Amino acid sequence: SRIDFFEKKIEQWNSSSWRVGLIGITSSGKSTLVNGLLGEELLPSHVKPSSNCLIMTRYGIEKKVVKYYEDGIVQEVTTNLKQELDELGNELKNPTNNKKIHHLSVYSPGFKLNPNITLCDTPGLEAYNLPHHDEITINSILPSLDLVLYISNVRLAAQENNRIIKLIPETKKPLIWVLNCVDVIKEKTEKDGVVSKTREQ
């Protein structure tokens, strides 16, 4: 059965678009990671909750943003993309998604992943006073993904990670756990200069 599973995944990989979802607690670095893969800061990324809707990023010959509204209206934008994404996909500028965005699609020739991959940046989990973010991500977006990247700050309490991690396998989605911000971890040195705990530990 495991061979069958991987054969199906290989066929899917070669023939169609893979939807890879970035999921994690608010400010875990999801949007920052997407911006890194775009080679520029297009998506809103702040310490406070930023992404408030699904933002799908993929390779495209022309750099543009396609806006899909909940009422079915579709609009394409080719200028001022960063401003457009900030106005619509940012919780600070579009609180509780008052502008009724269903999702935003970002296309860029600078996207560093395979053209078959669509990277889905989701609203952060555990956002203070924003329970609808969890609802959107867990119940609406997660079931549509082929692969989940759970982005976690390496300093986050283990019990918080474990609580969220348990939600994802219920959907039967393959999961990769990505530990972010490892560069901030320093070795622990005692007064006599002896290293009592290495970064790896």
N, C-alpha and C. Protein backbone atom coordinates (compact mmCIF):
# COMPACT_ATOMS: atom_id res chain seq x y z
N SER A 1 0.83 -1.21 0.00
CA SER A 1 0.00 0.00 0.00
C SER A 1 0.86 1.25 0.00
N ARG A 2 2.04 1.18 0.65
CA ARG A 2 2.92 2.35 0.67
C ARG A 2 3.48 2.61 -0.71
N ILE A 3 3.81 1.53 -1.45
CA ILE A 3 4.30 1.70 -2.82
C ILE A 3 3.22 2.33 -3.69
N ASP A 4 1.99 1.85 -3.54
CA ASP A 4 0.86 2.42 -4.29
C ASP A 4 0.71 3.91 -3.98
N PHE A 5 0.84 4.25 -2.70
CA PHE A 5 0.71 5.65 -2.29
C PHE A 5 1.74 6.52 -3.01
N PHE A 6 3.00 6.09 -2.99
CA PHE A 6 4.06 6.90 -3.60
C PHE A 6 3.95 6.92 -5.13
N GLU A 7 3.52 5.81 -5.73
CA GLU A 7 3.33 5.82 -7.18
C GLU A 7 2.26 6.82 -7.59
N LYS A 8 1.19 6.89 -6.80
CA LYS A 8 0.12 7.86 -7.08
C LYS A 8 0.64 9.28 -6.90
N LYS A 9 1.46 9.49 -5.88
CA LYS A 9 2.01 10.83 -5.65
C LYS A 9 2.96 11.24 -6.76
N ILE A 10 3.77 10.30 -7.26
CA ILE A 10 4.67 10.60 -8.36
C ILE A 10 3.88 10.96 -9.62
N GLU A 11 2.83 10.20 -9.87
CA GLU A 11 1.98 10.50 -11.03
C GLU A 11 1.34 11.87 -10.88
N GLN A 12 0.87 12.17 -9.69
CA GLN A 12 0.26 13.47 -9.43
C GLN A 12 1.30 14.58 -9.59
N TRP A 13 2.50 14.35 -9.08
CA TRP A 13 3.58 15.34 -9.17
C TRP A 13 3.88 15.68 -10.62
N ASN A 14 3.92 14.63 -11.48
CA ASN A 14 4.32 14.85 -12.87
C ASN A 14 3.20 15.38 -13.75
N SER A 15 1.96 15.19 -13.35
CA SER A 15 0.87 15.50 -14.26
C SER A 15 0.03 16.71 -13.87
N SER A 16 0.11 17.13 -12.62
CA SER A 16 -0.78 18.21 -12.22
C SER A 16 -0.14 19.07 -11.14
N SER A 17 -0.83 20.12 -10.81
CA SER A 17 -0.32 21.06 -9.81
C SER A 17 -0.46 20.48 -8.41
N TRP A 18 0.59 20.64 -7.63
CA TRP A 18 0.56 20.25 -6.23
C TRP A 18 0.24 21.46 -5.39
N ARG A 19 -0.73 21.32 -4.50
CA ARG A 19 -1.08 22.41 -3.58
C ARG A 19 -0.38 22.13 -2.25
N VAL A 20 0.64 22.93 -1.98
CA VAL A 20 1.41 22.79 -0.75
C VAL A 20 1.02 23.92 0.19
N GLY A 21 0.48 23.57 1.34
CA GLY A 21 -0.02 24.56 2.27
C GLY A 21 0.96 24.87 3.39
N LEU A 22 1.14 26.15 3.66
CA LEU A 22 1.95 26.58 4.80
C LEU A 22 1.00 26.88 5.95
N ILE A 23 1.12 26.13 7.02
CA ILE A 23 0.23 26.27 8.16
C ILE A 23 1.07 26.48 9.41
N GLY A 24 0.60 27.34 10.30
CA GLY A 24 1.33 27.56 11.54
C GLY A 24 0.70 28.67 12.35
N ILE A 25 1.18 28.81 13.56
CA ILE A 25 0.70 29.86 14.45
C ILE A 25 1.09 31.22 13.89
N THR A 26 0.30 32.23 14.17
CA THR A 26 0.59 33.60 13.73
C THR A 26 2.04 33.98 14.04
N SER A 27 2.68 34.62 13.06
CA SER A 27 4.06 35.10 13.18
C SER A 27 5.09 33.98 13.25
N SER A 28 4.75 32.82 12.68
CA SER A 28 5.72 31.72 12.66
C SER A 28 6.67 31.84 11.47
N GLY A 29 6.34 32.72 10.50
CA GLY A 29 7.24 32.95 9.38
C GLY A 29 6.75 32.41 8.04
N LYS A 30 5.45 32.11 7.93
CA LYS A 30 4.91 31.54 6.69
C LYS A 30 5.05 32.51 5.52
N SER A 31 4.54 33.73 5.71
CA SER A 31 4.60 34.72 4.63
C SER A 31 6.03 35.12 4.30
N THR A 32 6.87 35.16 5.32
CA THR A 32 8.29 35.48 5.11
C THR A 32 8.95 34.41 4.25
N LEU A 33 8.59 33.14 4.48
CA LEU A 33 9.12 32.05 3.67
C LEU A 33 8.68 32.18 2.21
N VAL A 34 7.39 32.49 2.00
CA VAL A 34 6.90 32.66 0.63
C VAL A 34 7.63 33.81 -0.06
N ASN A 35 7.81 34.93 0.66
CA ASN A 35 8.54 36.06 0.09
C ASN A 35 9.96 35.66 -0.30
N GLY A 36 10.59 34.81 0.52
CA GLY A 36 11.92 34.32 0.19
C GLY A 36 11.93 33.51 -1.09
N LEU A 37 10.90 32.70 -1.29
CA LEU A 37 10.80 31.89 -2.50
C LEU A 37 10.41 32.72 -3.72
N LEU A 38 9.82 33.88 -3.49
CA LEU A 38 9.50 34.82 -4.58
C LEU A 38 10.71 35.69 -4.94
N GLY A 39 11.64 35.81 -4.00
CA GLY A 39 12.81 36.66 -4.21
C GLY A 39 12.53 38.13 -3.97
N GLU A 40 11.37 38.44 -3.39
CA GLU A 40 11.02 39.82 -3.05
C GLU A 40 9.89 39.82 -2.03
N GLU A 41 9.74 40.92 -1.31
CA GLU A 41 8.71 41.01 -0.28
C GLU A 41 7.40 41.51 -0.88
N LEU A 42 6.58 40.57 -1.30
CA LEU A 42 5.27 40.91 -1.86
C LEU A 42 4.16 40.69 -0.85
N LEU A 43 4.20 39.57 -0.14
CA LEU A 43 3.13 39.23 0.79
C LEU A 43 3.31 40.00 2.09
N PRO A 44 2.19 40.42 2.71
CA PRO A 44 2.30 41.11 4.00
C PRO A 44 2.86 40.17 5.06
N SER A 45 3.82 40.67 5.83
CA SER A 45 4.37 39.88 6.93
C SER A 45 4.68 40.83 8.08
N HIS A 46 4.01 40.60 9.20
CA HIS A 46 4.14 41.46 10.36
C HIS A 46 4.19 40.61 11.61
N VAL A 47 4.60 41.22 12.73
CA VAL A 47 4.58 40.50 14.00
C VAL A 47 3.14 40.22 14.41
N LYS A 48 2.25 41.19 14.17
CA LYS A 48 0.83 40.98 14.45
C LYS A 48 0.23 40.13 13.32
N PRO A 49 -0.94 39.51 13.54
CA PRO A 49 -1.57 38.69 12.50
C PRO A 49 -1.67 39.46 11.19
N SER A 50 -1.20 38.84 10.11
CA SER A 50 -1.23 39.54 8.83
C SER A 50 -2.17 38.85 7.84
N SER A 51 -1.78 37.69 7.30
CA SER A 51 -2.60 37.04 6.27
C SER A 51 -3.99 36.73 6.82
N ASN A 52 -5.02 37.18 6.11
CA ASN A 52 -6.38 36.93 6.58
C ASN A 52 -7.20 36.13 5.58
N CYS A 53 -6.58 35.72 4.49
CA CYS A 53 -7.26 34.89 3.50
C CYS A 53 -6.21 34.00 2.85
N LEU A 54 -6.67 33.08 2.04
CA LEU A 54 -5.75 32.19 1.34
C LEU A 54 -5.03 32.98 0.24
N ILE A 55 -3.69 32.94 0.26
CA ILE A 55 -2.89 33.56 -0.80
C ILE A 55 -2.11 32.46 -1.49
N MET A 56 -2.41 32.23 -2.76
CA MET A 56 -1.78 31.15 -3.52
C MET A 56 -0.70 31.73 -4.42
N THR A 57 0.50 31.17 -4.32
CA THR A 57 1.64 31.67 -5.07
C THR A 57 2.16 30.58 -6.00
N ARG A 58 2.45 30.97 -7.24
CA ARG A 58 2.96 29.99 -8.20
C ARG A 58 3.79 30.71 -9.26
N TYR A 59 4.45 29.92 -10.07
CA TYR A 59 5.26 30.48 -11.15
C TYR A 59 4.34 31.05 -12.24
N GLY A 60 4.76 32.15 -12.83
CA GLY A 60 4.04 32.72 -13.96
C GLY A 60 5.00 33.54 -14.80
N ILE A 61 4.81 33.55 -16.10
CA ILE A 61 5.67 34.32 -16.99
C ILE A 61 5.54 35.81 -16.69
N GLU A 62 4.31 36.23 -16.38
CA GLU A 62 4.04 37.63 -16.06
C GLU A 62 3.76 37.77 -14.57
N LYS A 63 4.35 38.79 -13.95
CA LYS A 63 4.09 39.03 -12.52
C LYS A 63 2.73 39.73 -12.39
N LYS A 64 1.84 39.10 -11.61
CA LYS A 64 0.50 39.67 -11.45
C LYS A 64 -0.18 39.07 -10.24
N VAL A 65 -1.26 39.71 -9.82
CA VAL A 65 -2.13 39.20 -8.77
C VAL A 65 -3.54 39.09 -9.34
N VAL A 66 -4.16 37.94 -9.14
CA VAL A 66 -5.55 37.76 -9.55
C VAL A 66 -6.40 37.68 -8.29
N LYS A 67 -7.39 38.56 -8.21
CA LYS A 67 -8.25 38.65 -7.02
C LYS A 67 -9.56 37.91 -7.29
N TYR A 68 -9.88 36.97 -6.42
CA TYR A 68 -11.12 36.22 -6.51
C TYR A 68 -12.00 36.62 -5.32
N TYR A 69 -13.15 37.22 -5.62
CA TYR A 69 -14.05 37.66 -4.57
C TYR A 69 -15.10 36.58 -4.28
N GLU A 70 -15.67 36.65 -3.10
CA GLU A 70 -16.66 35.64 -2.69
C GLU A 70 -17.90 35.66 -3.57
N ASP A 71 -18.21 36.80 -4.20
CA ASP A 71 -19.39 36.87 -5.06
C ASP A 71 -19.12 36.43 -6.49
N GLY A 72 -17.90 35.91 -6.77
CA GLY A 72 -17.58 35.39 -8.09
C GLY A 72 -16.83 36.36 -8.99
N ILE A 73 -16.70 37.60 -8.61
CA ILE A 73 -15.96 38.58 -9.41
C ILE A 73 -14.47 38.24 -9.39
N VAL A 74 -13.82 38.33 -10.56
CA VAL A 74 -12.39 38.07 -10.70
C VAL A 74 -11.74 39.30 -11.33
N GLN A 75 -10.67 39.79 -10.69
CA GLN A 75 -9.97 40.97 -11.21
C GLN A 75 -8.47 40.67 -11.25
N GLU A 76 -7.81 41.16 -12.31
CA GLU A 76 -6.38 40.95 -12.48
C GLU A 76 -5.65 42.28 -12.30
N VAL A 77 -4.54 42.25 -11.57
CA VAL A 77 -3.74 43.45 -11.30
C VAL A 77 -2.30 43.17 -11.68
N THR A 78 -1.66 44.12 -12.37
CA THR A 78 -0.27 43.94 -12.79
C THR A 78 0.66 45.03 -12.25
N THR A 79 0.10 46.01 -11.55
CA THR A 79 0.92 47.09 -10.98
C THR A 79 0.64 47.22 -9.48
N ASN A 80 1.59 47.79 -8.75
CA ASN A 80 1.46 48.00 -7.31
C ASN A 80 1.01 46.73 -6.58
N LEU A 81 1.66 45.61 -6.90
CA LEU A 81 1.22 44.32 -6.36
C LEU A 81 1.37 44.23 -4.84
N LYS A 82 2.48 44.74 -4.33
CA LYS A 82 2.68 44.67 -2.88
C LYS A 82 1.60 45.44 -2.15
N GLN A 83 1.27 46.62 -2.64
CA GLN A 83 0.21 47.43 -2.02
C GLN A 83 -1.13 46.72 -2.11
N GLU A 84 -1.41 46.12 -3.26
CA GLU A 84 -2.68 45.40 -3.46
C GLU A 84 -2.81 44.25 -2.48
N LEU A 85 -1.73 43.46 -2.32
CA LEU A 85 -1.76 42.33 -1.41
C LEU A 85 -1.90 42.79 0.04
N ASP A 86 -1.28 43.90 0.36
CA ASP A 86 -1.34 44.43 1.72
C ASP A 86 -2.75 44.94 2.04
N GLU A 87 -3.39 45.57 1.05
CA GLU A 87 -4.73 46.12 1.27
C GLU A 87 -5.78 45.03 1.42
N LEU A 88 -5.59 43.91 0.72
CA LEU A 88 -6.63 42.88 0.69
C LEU A 88 -6.31 41.67 1.57
N GLY A 89 -5.05 41.27 1.63
CA GLY A 89 -4.69 40.05 2.33
C GLY A 89 -4.14 40.25 3.72
N ASN A 90 -4.22 41.47 4.24
CA ASN A 90 -3.64 41.80 5.53
C ASN A 90 -4.75 42.08 6.54
N GLU A 91 -4.72 41.37 7.65
CA GLU A 91 -5.76 41.55 8.68
C GLU A 91 -5.81 42.98 9.20
N LEU A 92 -4.69 43.68 9.19
CA LEU A 92 -4.65 45.05 9.69
C LEU A 92 -5.37 46.02 8.76
N LYS A 93 -5.34 45.75 7.46
CA LYS A 93 -5.96 46.65 6.47
C LYS A 93 -7.35 46.17 6.04
N ASN A 94 -7.58 44.87 6.15
CA ASN A 94 -8.85 44.29 5.74
C ASN A 94 -9.36 43.40 6.87
N PRO A 95 -9.74 44.01 8.00
CA PRO A 95 -10.12 43.24 9.19
C PRO A 95 -11.29 42.30 8.93
N THR A 96 -11.14 41.08 9.44
CA THR A 96 -12.13 39.99 9.27
C THR A 96 -12.56 39.84 7.82
N ASN A 97 -11.67 40.21 6.90
CA ASN A 97 -11.92 40.08 5.46
C ASN A 97 -13.22 40.79 5.05
N ASN A 98 -13.36 42.04 5.47
CA ASN A 98 -14.55 42.83 5.14
C ASN A 98 -14.72 43.03 3.64
N LYS A 99 -13.62 42.94 2.89
CA LYS A 99 -13.71 43.15 1.44
C LYS A 99 -14.08 41.88 0.69
N LYS A 100 -14.37 40.82 1.45
CA LYS A 100 -14.93 39.56 0.91
C LYS A 100 -14.05 38.93 -0.17
N ILE A 101 -12.77 38.79 0.14
CA ILE A 101 -11.85 38.11 -0.76
C ILE A 101 -11.96 36.60 -0.53
N HIS A 102 -12.19 35.84 -1.59
CA HIS A 102 -12.20 34.38 -1.46
C HIS A 102 -10.77 33.87 -1.40
N HIS A 103 -9.95 34.28 -2.38
CA HIS A 103 -8.51 34.02 -2.33
C HIS A 103 -7.79 34.92 -3.32
N LEU A 104 -6.48 35.03 -3.14
CA LEU A 104 -5.63 35.82 -4.02
C LEU A 104 -4.61 34.89 -4.66
N SER A 105 -4.40 35.02 -5.97
CA SER A 105 -3.39 34.23 -6.66
C SER A 105 -2.26 35.14 -7.11
N VAL A 106 -1.04 34.80 -6.71
CA VAL A 106 0.14 35.58 -7.06
C VAL A 106 0.96 34.78 -8.06
N TYR A 107 1.28 35.41 -9.19
CA TYR A 107 2.12 34.78 -10.22
C TYR A 107 3.41 35.57 -10.35
N SER A 108 4.55 34.86 -10.42
CA SER A 108 5.82 35.56 -10.55
C SER A 108 6.84 34.71 -11.28
N PRO A 109 7.59 35.31 -12.24
CA PRO A 109 8.67 34.57 -12.91
C PRO A 109 9.84 34.31 -11.96
N GLY A 110 9.87 35.00 -10.82
CA GLY A 110 10.94 34.80 -9.85
C GLY A 110 10.68 33.69 -8.85
N PHE A 111 9.51 33.03 -8.94
CA PHE A 111 9.15 31.95 -8.01
C PHE A 111 10.13 30.81 -8.16
N LYS A 112 10.75 30.40 -7.05
CA LYS A 112 11.90 29.50 -7.11
C LYS A 112 11.54 28.01 -7.08
N LEU A 113 10.26 27.67 -7.02
CA LEU A 113 9.88 26.26 -7.00
C LEU A 113 9.38 25.81 -8.36
N ASN A 114 9.24 24.50 -8.50
CA ASN A 114 8.75 23.89 -9.73
C ASN A 114 7.42 24.53 -10.16
N PRO A 115 7.23 24.80 -11.45
CA PRO A 115 5.97 25.40 -11.92
C PRO A 115 4.73 24.59 -11.57
N ASN A 116 4.90 23.30 -11.27
CA ASN A 116 3.74 22.47 -10.89
C ASN A 116 3.28 22.71 -9.46
N ILE A 117 4.06 23.47 -8.70
CA ILE A 117 3.74 23.66 -7.29
C ILE A 117 3.00 24.98 -7.07
N THR A 118 1.89 24.89 -6.35
CA THR A 118 1.19 26.09 -5.88
C THR A 118 1.38 26.14 -4.37
N LEU A 119 1.98 27.22 -3.90
CA LEU A 119 2.24 27.39 -2.47
C LEU A 119 1.11 28.20 -1.86
N CYS A 120 0.45 27.65 -0.86
CA CYS A 120 -0.72 28.28 -0.26
C CYS A 120 -0.39 28.83 1.12
N ASP A 121 -0.35 30.15 1.24
CA ASP A 121 -0.11 30.80 2.53
C ASP A 121 -1.45 30.98 3.21
N THR A 122 -1.57 30.48 4.44
CA THR A 122 -2.86 30.47 5.12
C THR A 122 -2.88 31.45 6.29
N PRO A 123 -4.08 31.85 6.72
CA PRO A 123 -4.17 32.68 7.93
C PRO A 123 -3.57 31.95 9.12
N GLY A 124 -2.86 32.69 9.97
CA GLY A 124 -2.18 32.09 11.11
C GLY A 124 -3.15 31.53 12.13
N LEU A 125 -2.75 30.41 12.74
CA LEU A 125 -3.55 29.81 13.80
C LEU A 125 -3.28 30.51 15.13
N GLU A 126 -4.20 30.36 16.05
CA GLU A 126 -4.03 30.89 17.40
C GLU A 126 -3.89 32.41 17.43
N ALA A 127 -4.42 33.11 16.41
CA ALA A 127 -4.34 34.57 16.40
C ALA A 127 -5.28 35.12 17.46
N TYR A 128 -4.76 36.00 18.31
CA TYR A 128 -5.54 36.53 19.43
C TYR A 128 -6.80 37.23 18.93
N ASN A 129 -7.94 36.79 19.43
CA ASN A 129 -9.24 37.41 19.14
C ASN A 129 -9.65 37.25 17.68
N LEU A 130 -9.03 36.29 16.97
CA LEU A 130 -9.38 36.06 15.56
C LEU A 130 -9.64 34.57 15.32
N PRO A 131 -10.67 34.01 15.96
CA PRO A 131 -10.93 32.57 15.82
C PRO A 131 -11.30 32.16 14.40
N HIS A 132 -11.77 33.13 13.58
CA HIS A 132 -12.14 32.77 12.21
C HIS A 132 -10.93 32.35 11.40
N HIS A 133 -9.72 32.75 11.81
CA HIS A 133 -8.52 32.30 11.10
C HIS A 133 -8.37 30.79 11.21
N ASP A 134 -8.56 30.24 12.42
CA ASP A 134 -8.48 28.79 12.61
C ASP A 134 -9.55 28.09 11.78
N GLU A 135 -10.74 28.65 11.79
CA GLU A 135 -11.86 28.07 11.04
C GLU A 135 -11.54 27.98 9.55
N ILE A 136 -11.03 29.08 8.98
CA ILE A 136 -10.70 29.12 7.55
C ILE A 136 -9.62 28.09 7.23
N THR A 137 -8.56 28.09 8.03
CA THR A 137 -7.41 27.25 7.73
C THR A 137 -7.71 25.77 7.93
N ILE A 138 -8.25 25.39 9.08
CA ILE A 138 -8.44 23.98 9.41
C ILE A 138 -9.60 23.36 8.62
N ASN A 139 -10.73 24.07 8.50
CA ASN A 139 -11.92 23.47 7.91
C ASN A 139 -12.06 23.71 6.40
N SER A 140 -11.53 24.82 5.90
CA SER A 140 -11.73 25.13 4.48
C SER A 140 -10.51 24.87 3.62
N ILE A 141 -9.33 25.28 4.10
CA ILE A 141 -8.13 25.19 3.27
C ILE A 141 -7.45 23.83 3.39
N LEU A 142 -7.27 23.35 4.61
CA LEU A 142 -6.53 22.11 4.84
C LEU A 142 -7.04 20.93 4.02
N PRO A 143 -8.34 20.70 3.92
CA PRO A 143 -8.82 19.55 3.14
C PRO A 143 -8.46 19.60 1.65
N SER A 144 -8.16 20.79 1.11
CA SER A 144 -7.89 20.93 -0.32
C SER A 144 -6.40 20.77 -0.66
N LEU A 145 -5.55 20.56 0.34
CA LEU A 145 -4.11 20.51 0.11
C LEU A 145 -3.62 19.11 -0.19
N ASP A 146 -2.50 19.02 -0.91
CA ASP A 146 -1.85 17.73 -1.17
C ASP A 146 -0.74 17.46 -0.15
N LEU A 147 -0.18 18.52 0.39
CA LEU A 147 0.93 18.40 1.33
C LEU A 147 0.87 19.58 2.29
N VAL A 148 1.18 19.33 3.57
CA VAL A 148 1.16 20.39 4.58
C VAL A 148 2.57 20.62 5.09
N LEU A 149 3.01 21.88 5.07
CA LEU A 149 4.23 22.27 5.75
C LEU A 149 3.80 23.01 7.01
N TYR A 150 4.07 22.42 8.15
CA TYR A 150 3.74 23.08 9.42
C TYR A 150 4.96 23.89 9.85
N ILE A 151 4.85 25.21 9.78
CA ILE A 151 5.95 26.11 10.11
C ILE A 151 5.84 26.47 11.59
N SER A 152 6.92 26.24 12.34
CA SER A 152 6.89 26.48 13.76
C SER A 152 8.16 27.19 14.21
N ASN A 153 7.99 28.19 15.06
CA ASN A 153 9.14 28.84 15.68
C ASN A 153 9.79 27.84 16.63
N VAL A 154 11.10 27.68 16.51
CA VAL A 154 11.80 26.66 17.29
C VAL A 154 11.66 26.88 18.79
N ARG A 155 11.35 28.10 19.21
CA ARG A 155 11.22 28.39 20.64
C ARG A 155 9.80 28.19 21.16
N LEU A 156 8.87 27.85 20.29
CA LEU A 156 7.48 27.68 20.72
C LEU A 156 7.37 26.49 21.66
N ALA A 157 6.54 26.63 22.68
CA ALA A 157 6.36 25.56 23.65
C ALA A 157 5.93 24.27 22.95
N ALA A 158 6.53 23.17 23.38
CA ALA A 158 6.27 21.87 22.75
C ALA A 158 4.80 21.49 22.83
N GLN A 159 4.14 21.79 23.94
CA GLN A 159 2.74 21.40 24.08
C GLN A 159 1.84 22.13 23.08
N GLU A 160 2.21 23.38 22.73
CA GLU A 160 1.42 24.13 21.75
C GLU A 160 1.57 23.50 20.37
N ASN A 161 2.81 23.16 20.01
CA ASN A 161 3.06 22.48 18.75
C ASN A 161 2.29 21.17 18.68
N ASN A 162 2.36 20.38 19.74
CA ASN A 162 1.73 19.07 19.75
C ASN A 162 0.22 19.18 19.60
N ARG A 163 -0.38 20.19 20.20
CA ARG A 163 -1.83 20.36 20.12
C ARG A 163 -2.26 20.61 18.68
N ILE A 164 -1.52 21.46 17.98
CA ILE A 164 -1.87 21.79 16.59
C ILE A 164 -1.52 20.65 15.64
N ILE A 165 -0.38 20.04 15.89
CA ILE A 165 0.05 18.93 15.03
C ILE A 165 -0.99 17.81 15.01
N LYS A 166 -1.68 17.61 16.11
CA LYS A 166 -2.69 16.54 16.18
C LYS A 166 -3.90 16.85 15.30
N LEU A 167 -4.14 18.12 15.01
CA LEU A 167 -5.28 18.48 14.16
C LEU A 167 -5.06 18.07 12.71
N ILE A 168 -3.82 18.11 12.26
CA ILE A 168 -3.53 17.92 10.84
C ILE A 168 -3.67 16.47 10.37
N PRO A 169 -3.13 15.48 11.11
CA PRO A 169 -3.27 14.10 10.63
C PRO A 169 -4.70 13.63 10.48
N GLU A 170 -5.63 14.27 11.18
CA GLU A 170 -7.03 13.88 11.06
C GLU A 170 -7.52 14.04 9.62
N THR A 171 -6.89 14.91 8.84
CA THR A 171 -7.29 15.10 7.45
C THR A 171 -6.56 14.14 6.50
N LYS A 172 -5.67 13.30 7.05
CA LYS A 172 -4.91 12.31 6.26
C LYS A 172 -3.99 12.96 5.24
N LYS A 173 -3.45 14.13 5.58
CA LYS A 173 -2.54 14.84 4.66
C LYS A 173 -1.09 14.57 5.06
N PRO A 174 -0.21 14.35 4.08
CA PRO A 174 1.23 14.23 4.40
C PRO A 174 1.70 15.53 5.05
N LEU A 175 2.55 15.39 6.06
CA LEU A 175 2.97 16.54 6.86
C LEU A 175 4.49 16.61 6.97
N ILE A 176 5.03 17.80 6.74
CA ILE A 176 6.44 18.07 7.01
C ILE A 176 6.48 19.19 8.04
N TRP A 177 7.20 18.95 9.13
CA TRP A 177 7.30 19.93 10.21
C TRP A 177 8.58 20.72 10.00
N VAL A 178 8.45 22.03 9.82
CA VAL A 178 9.59 22.92 9.55
C VAL A 178 9.84 23.78 10.78
N LEU A 179 11.04 23.66 11.36
CA LEU A 179 11.41 24.50 12.50
C LEU A 179 12.09 25.76 12.00
N ASN A 180 11.48 26.89 12.29
CA ASN A 180 11.96 28.19 11.83
C ASN A 180 12.72 28.91 12.95
N CYS A 181 13.49 29.90 12.57
CA CYS A 181 14.22 30.77 13.52
C CYS A 181 15.29 30.02 14.31
N VAL A 182 15.88 28.98 13.74
CA VAL A 182 16.92 28.25 14.47
C VAL A 182 18.16 29.11 14.70
N ASP A 183 18.31 30.16 13.91
CA ASP A 183 19.49 31.02 14.06
C ASP A 183 19.50 31.81 15.37
N VAL A 184 18.33 31.92 16.03
CA VAL A 184 18.28 32.68 17.28
C VAL A 184 18.69 31.84 18.49
N ILE A 185 18.80 30.54 18.31
CA ILE A 185 19.18 29.66 19.42
C ILE A 185 20.69 29.71 19.62
N LYS A 186 21.10 30.00 20.84
CA LYS A 186 22.53 30.08 21.17
C LYS A 186 22.91 28.94 22.12
N GLU A 187 24.19 28.59 22.09
CA GLU A 187 24.64 27.57 23.04
C GLU A 187 24.63 28.15 24.45
N LYS A 188 24.43 27.26 25.44
CA LYS A 188 24.40 27.70 26.83
C LYS A 188 25.78 27.48 27.44
N THR A 189 26.36 28.55 27.94
CA THR A 189 27.71 28.49 28.51
C THR A 189 27.67 28.82 29.99
N GLU A 190 28.35 28.01 30.79
CA GLU A 190 28.42 28.25 32.23
C GLU A 190 29.45 29.34 32.53
N LYS A 191 29.51 29.77 33.80
CA LYS A 191 30.42 30.85 34.20
C LYS A 191 31.87 30.52 33.94
N ASP A 192 32.21 29.21 34.01
CA ASP A 192 33.60 28.81 33.79
C ASP A 192 33.94 28.65 32.30
N GLY A 193 32.96 28.98 31.44
CA GLY A 193 33.20 28.91 30.01
C GLY A 193 32.87 27.58 29.36
N VAL A 194 32.47 26.60 30.16
CA VAL A 194 32.14 25.28 29.64
C VAL A 194 30.74 25.31 29.01
N VAL A 195 30.64 24.74 27.81
CA VAL A 195 29.34 24.67 27.12
C VAL A 195 28.52 23.53 27.74
N SER A 196 27.41 23.91 28.38
CA SER A 196 26.58 22.90 29.03
C SER A 196 25.44 22.42 28.12
N LYS A 197 25.14 23.21 27.11
CA LYS A 197 24.09 22.80 26.16
C LYS A 197 24.40 23.40 24.80
N THR A 198 24.58 22.55 23.81
CA THR A 198 24.90 23.03 22.47
C THR A 198 23.63 23.51 21.77
N ARG A 199 23.79 24.19 20.67
CA ARG A 199 22.62 24.63 19.88
C ARG A 199 21.81 23.43 19.44
N GLU A 200 22.47 22.37 19.03
CA GLU A 200 21.77 21.19 18.55
C GLU A 200 20.92 20.56 19.65
N GLN A 201 21.49 20.52 20.88
CA GLN A 201 20.73 19.95 22.00
C GLN A 201 19.51 20.80 22.29
